[in-house]
């Protein structure tokens, strides 16, 4: 009986040694050894950005008519008046809210721009401005995407983004619902 018992103990010892070696290898793999992976670039699944492509803006809206302008508030401290052309406002499949804005000085001078606001990145872009003859659009003034400025006295893009166009990095709704909110002065903080 002694040889069988000895063989059994030997086999158990070999199995235990193999299990310990496997556990040691596993623990060594979990150690704090440096890896080639940069953990600082970790992003949550919902935060990952896909390949975004902006819709082409081939056609521009007609110039705004006075009856289609919807005033909105930017700051109590600015003498300028701001309006959005209701007929120009669109929400693209690319997530861009495009609109014509009219900025009027106390003396009656007007600045008219066709712009877009990108809700997911807090950026704006100028597509065209009123030409020198005041009878059409001038595309030569267009720019690339720029960060929206908050602290500026006349930061109308920030007001449009925060009050009417965007919430949770997405457009607040359809063009019709955004126009209704501007018309009724229902700002986003009142709606939530």
Protein backbone atom coordinates (compact mmCIF):
# COMPACT_ATOMS: atom_id res chain seq x y z
CA UNK A 1 0.00 0.00 0.00
CA UNK A 2 2.85 2.36 0.61
CA UNK A 3 3.86 2.59 -3.11
CA UNK A 4 0.30 3.47 -4.21
CA UNK A 5 0.01 6.10 -1.48
CA UNK A 6 3.41 7.52 -2.47
CA UNK A 7 2.36 7.72 -6.15
CA UNK A 8 -0.89 9.43 -5.17
CA UNK A 9 0.91 12.01 -3.04
CA UNK A 10 3.46 12.57 -5.81
CA UNK A 11 0.73 13.15 -8.40
CA UNK A 12 -1.07 15.57 -6.06
CA UNK A 13 2.19 17.44 -5.44
CA UNK A 14 2.86 17.69 -9.19
CA UNK A 15 -0.71 18.93 -9.80
CA UNK A 16 -0.34 21.47 -6.98
CA UNK A 17 3.00 22.65 -8.37
CA UNK A 18 1.48 23.02 -11.86
CA UNK A 19 -1.49 24.95 -10.45
CA UNK A 20 0.87 27.24 -8.51
CA UNK A 21 2.97 27.84 -11.61
CA UNK A 22 -0.15 28.69 -13.65
CA UNK A 23 -1.41 31.03 -10.92
CA UNK A 24 2.01 32.69 -10.73
CA UNK A 25 2.04 33.22 -14.49
CA UNK A 26 -1.46 34.67 -14.34
CA UNK A 27 -0.53 37.03 -11.51
CA UNK A 28 2.62 38.09 -13.33
CA UNK A 29 0.46 39.07 -16.28
CA UNK A 30 -1.65 41.27 -13.99
CA UNK A 31 1.29 43.12 -12.49
CA UNK A 32 1.93 46.82 -13.03
CA UNK A 33 4.40 46.30 -15.82
CA UNK A 34 4.25 49.08 -18.42
CA UNK A 35 2.37 48.37 -21.60
CA UNK A 36 2.24 50.03 -24.98
CA UNK A 37 -1.40 51.00 -24.42
CA UNK A 38 -2.01 54.65 -23.45
CA UNK A 39 -4.72 54.55 -20.77
CA UNK A 40 -5.12 58.35 -20.91
CA UNK A 41 -6.96 58.03 -24.22
CA UNK A 42 -9.66 55.78 -22.77
CA UNK A 43 -13.13 56.87 -23.90
CA UNK A 44 -16.53 55.56 -22.97
CA UNK A 45 -18.50 53.90 -25.72
CA UNK A 46 -21.08 56.72 -25.87
CA UNK A 47 -18.30 59.36 -25.97
CA UNK A 48 -16.58 57.83 -28.99
CA UNK A 49 -16.80 59.98 -32.07
CA UNK A 50 -17.57 58.33 -35.34
CA UNK A 51 -16.43 59.73 -38.62
CA UNK A 52 -18.55 62.87 -38.85
CA UNK A 53 -19.18 64.36 -42.26
CA UNK A 54 -20.78 67.77 -42.70
CA UNK A 55 -23.62 68.05 -45.21
CA UNK A 56 -22.72 70.19 -48.23
CA UNK A 57 -24.29 73.63 -48.30
CA UNK A 58 -24.79 74.06 -52.03
CA UNK A 59 -27.79 76.37 -51.93
CA UNK A 60 -28.32 79.30 -49.62
CA UNK A 61 -31.70 80.49 -48.35
CA UNK A 62 -33.32 83.62 -49.76
CA UNK A 63 -32.37 86.86 -48.03
CA UNK A 64 -34.54 87.43 -44.95
CA UNK A 65 -37.75 89.44 -45.05
CA UNK A 66 -38.69 91.70 -42.12
CA UNK A 67 -41.89 89.71 -41.39
CA UNK A 68 -39.92 86.48 -40.92
CA UNK A 69 -37.44 87.82 -38.34
CA UNK A 70 -37.70 86.47 -34.80
CA UNK A 71 -35.93 88.60 -32.17
CA UNK A 72 -33.95 86.94 -29.39
CA UNK A 73 -32.09 88.28 -26.37
CA UNK A 74 -28.31 88.15 -26.10
CA UNK A 75 -27.44 90.61 -23.32
CA UNK A 76 -29.17 93.45 -21.53
CA UNK A 77 -25.93 95.44 -21.93
CA UNK A 78 -25.70 95.49 -25.72
CA UNK A 79 -27.39 98.14 -27.82
CA UNK A 80 -27.59 95.73 -30.77
CA UNK A 81 -30.76 93.85 -31.71
CA UNK A 82 -30.56 90.20 -32.83
CA UNK A 83 -33.02 88.23 -34.96
CA UNK A 84 -33.18 84.85 -36.68
CA UNK A 85 -34.92 84.39 -40.01
CA UNK A 86 -37.61 81.77 -39.30
CA UNK A 87 -37.72 80.57 -42.91
CA UNK A 88 -33.97 79.92 -43.07
CA UNK A 89 -33.66 77.75 -39.95
CA UNK A 90 -32.95 74.05 -40.64
CA UNK A 91 -31.68 71.08 -38.64
CA UNK A 92 -29.47 68.93 -40.85
CA UNK A 93 -28.97 65.18 -40.70
CA UNK A 94 -25.36 66.06 -39.75
CA UNK A 95 -26.59 67.63 -36.48
CA UNK A 96 -25.99 71.22 -37.62
CA UNK A 97 -28.57 73.92 -36.96
CA UNK A 98 -28.29 76.38 -39.86
CA UNK A 99 -29.89 79.81 -39.80
CA UNK A 100 -29.74 83.40 -41.02
CA UNK A 101 -29.00 85.92 -38.28
CA UNK A 102 -29.63 89.65 -38.57
CA UNK A 103 -27.76 91.99 -36.21
CA UNK A 104 -29.07 95.57 -36.24
CA UNK A 105 -27.32 98.57 -34.70
CA UNK A 106 -29.20 101.44 -33.00
CA UNK A 107 -28.54 103.52 -36.14
CA UNK A 108 -30.18 100.92 -38.38
CA UNK A 109 -27.06 99.32 -39.91
CA UNK A 110 -27.56 95.59 -40.47
CA UNK A 111 -25.19 92.67 -40.55
CA UNK A 112 -26.76 89.57 -42.16
CA UNK A 113 -25.03 86.18 -41.99
CA UNK A 114 -25.92 82.61 -42.88
CA UNK A 115 -24.31 80.40 -40.21
CA UNK A 116 -24.37 76.96 -38.62
CA UNK A 117 -24.01 75.75 -35.04
CA UNK A 118 -22.63 72.28 -34.32
CA UNK A 119 -24.21 71.11 -31.08
CA UNK A 120 -21.87 68.20 -30.33
CA UNK A 121 -18.70 70.34 -30.34
CA UNK A 122 -19.93 73.82 -29.25
CA UNK A 123 -18.72 75.37 -32.51
CA UNK A 124 -20.12 77.73 -35.14
CA UNK A 125 -19.36 78.40 -38.76
CA UNK A 126 -20.09 81.25 -41.19
CA UNK A 127 -21.26 80.10 -44.64
CA UNK A 128 -22.07 83.47 -46.22
CA UNK A 129 -22.70 87.12 -45.46
CA UNK A 130 -24.71 89.85 -47.14
CA UNK A 131 -22.81 91.18 -50.17
CA UNK A 132 -21.71 94.80 -50.55
CA UNK A 133 -24.70 95.62 -52.79
CA UNK A 134 -27.14 94.22 -50.17
CA UNK A 135 -28.87 92.11 -52.82
CA UNK A 136 -27.33 88.64 -52.40
CA UNK A 137 -24.93 86.40 -50.51
CA UNK A 138 -21.14 86.63 -50.43
CA UNK A 139 -19.54 83.21 -49.87
CA UNK A 140 -15.98 84.57 -49.77
CA UNK A 141 -16.42 85.43 -46.07
CA UNK A 142 -17.05 81.81 -45.01
CA UNK A 143 -14.83 80.29 -42.33
CA UNK A 144 -14.05 76.93 -40.77
CA UNK A 145 -15.54 75.72 -37.50
CA UNK A 146 -14.69 77.95 -34.54
CA UNK A 147 -15.27 77.58 -30.82
CA UNK A 148 -18.28 79.58 -29.60
CA UNK A 149 -17.26 82.50 -27.38
CA UNK A 150 -19.25 82.89 -24.15
CA UNK A 151 -18.00 86.04 -22.47
CA UNK A 152 -18.37 88.39 -25.41
CA UNK A 153 -20.99 91.13 -25.00
CA UNK A 154 -22.45 90.24 -28.40
CA UNK A 155 -21.99 86.46 -28.22
CA UNK A 156 -25.21 85.63 -30.01
CA UNK A 157 -24.01 82.15 -31.05
CA UNK A 158 -23.68 81.23 -27.36
CA UNK A 159 -27.21 82.53 -26.69
CA UNK A 160 -28.65 80.58 -29.62
CA UNK A 161 -26.78 77.41 -28.62
CA UNK A 162 -27.73 77.54 -24.94
CA UNK A 163 -31.23 79.02 -25.15
CA UNK A 164 -32.77 77.50 -28.27
CA UNK A 165 -30.68 75.25 -30.52
CA UNK A 166 -28.86 72.65 -28.42
CA UNK A 167 -29.20 70.48 -25.32
CA UNK A 168 -27.02 67.54 -24.31
CA UNK A 169 -24.82 68.12 -27.37
CA UNK A 170 -27.77 67.57 -29.73
CA UNK A 171 -30.28 69.83 -31.48
CA UNK A 172 -33.29 70.48 -29.21
CA UNK A 173 -35.73 69.34 -31.86
CA UNK A 174 -36.95 69.97 -35.37
CA UNK A 175 -36.59 73.33 -37.11
CA UNK A 176 -40.30 73.93 -36.52
CA UNK A 177 -40.05 73.37 -32.76
CA UNK A 178 -36.94 75.58 -32.49
CA UNK A 179 -38.70 78.36 -34.43
CA UNK A 180 -41.74 78.04 -32.12
CA UNK A 181 -39.51 78.26 -29.04
CA UNK A 182 -37.83 81.42 -30.36
CA UNK A 183 -41.20 82.91 -31.34
CA UNK A 184 -42.66 82.21 -27.88
CA UNK A 185 -39.38 83.01 -26.09
CA UNK A 186 -39.28 79.55 -24.51
CA UNK A 187 -35.63 79.16 -23.66
CA UNK A 188 -34.17 75.70 -23.04
CA UNK A 189 -33.80 76.21 -19.27
CA UNK A 190 -37.58 76.92 -19.06
CA UNK A 191 -38.45 73.78 -21.05
CA UNK A 192 -36.42 71.27 -19.03
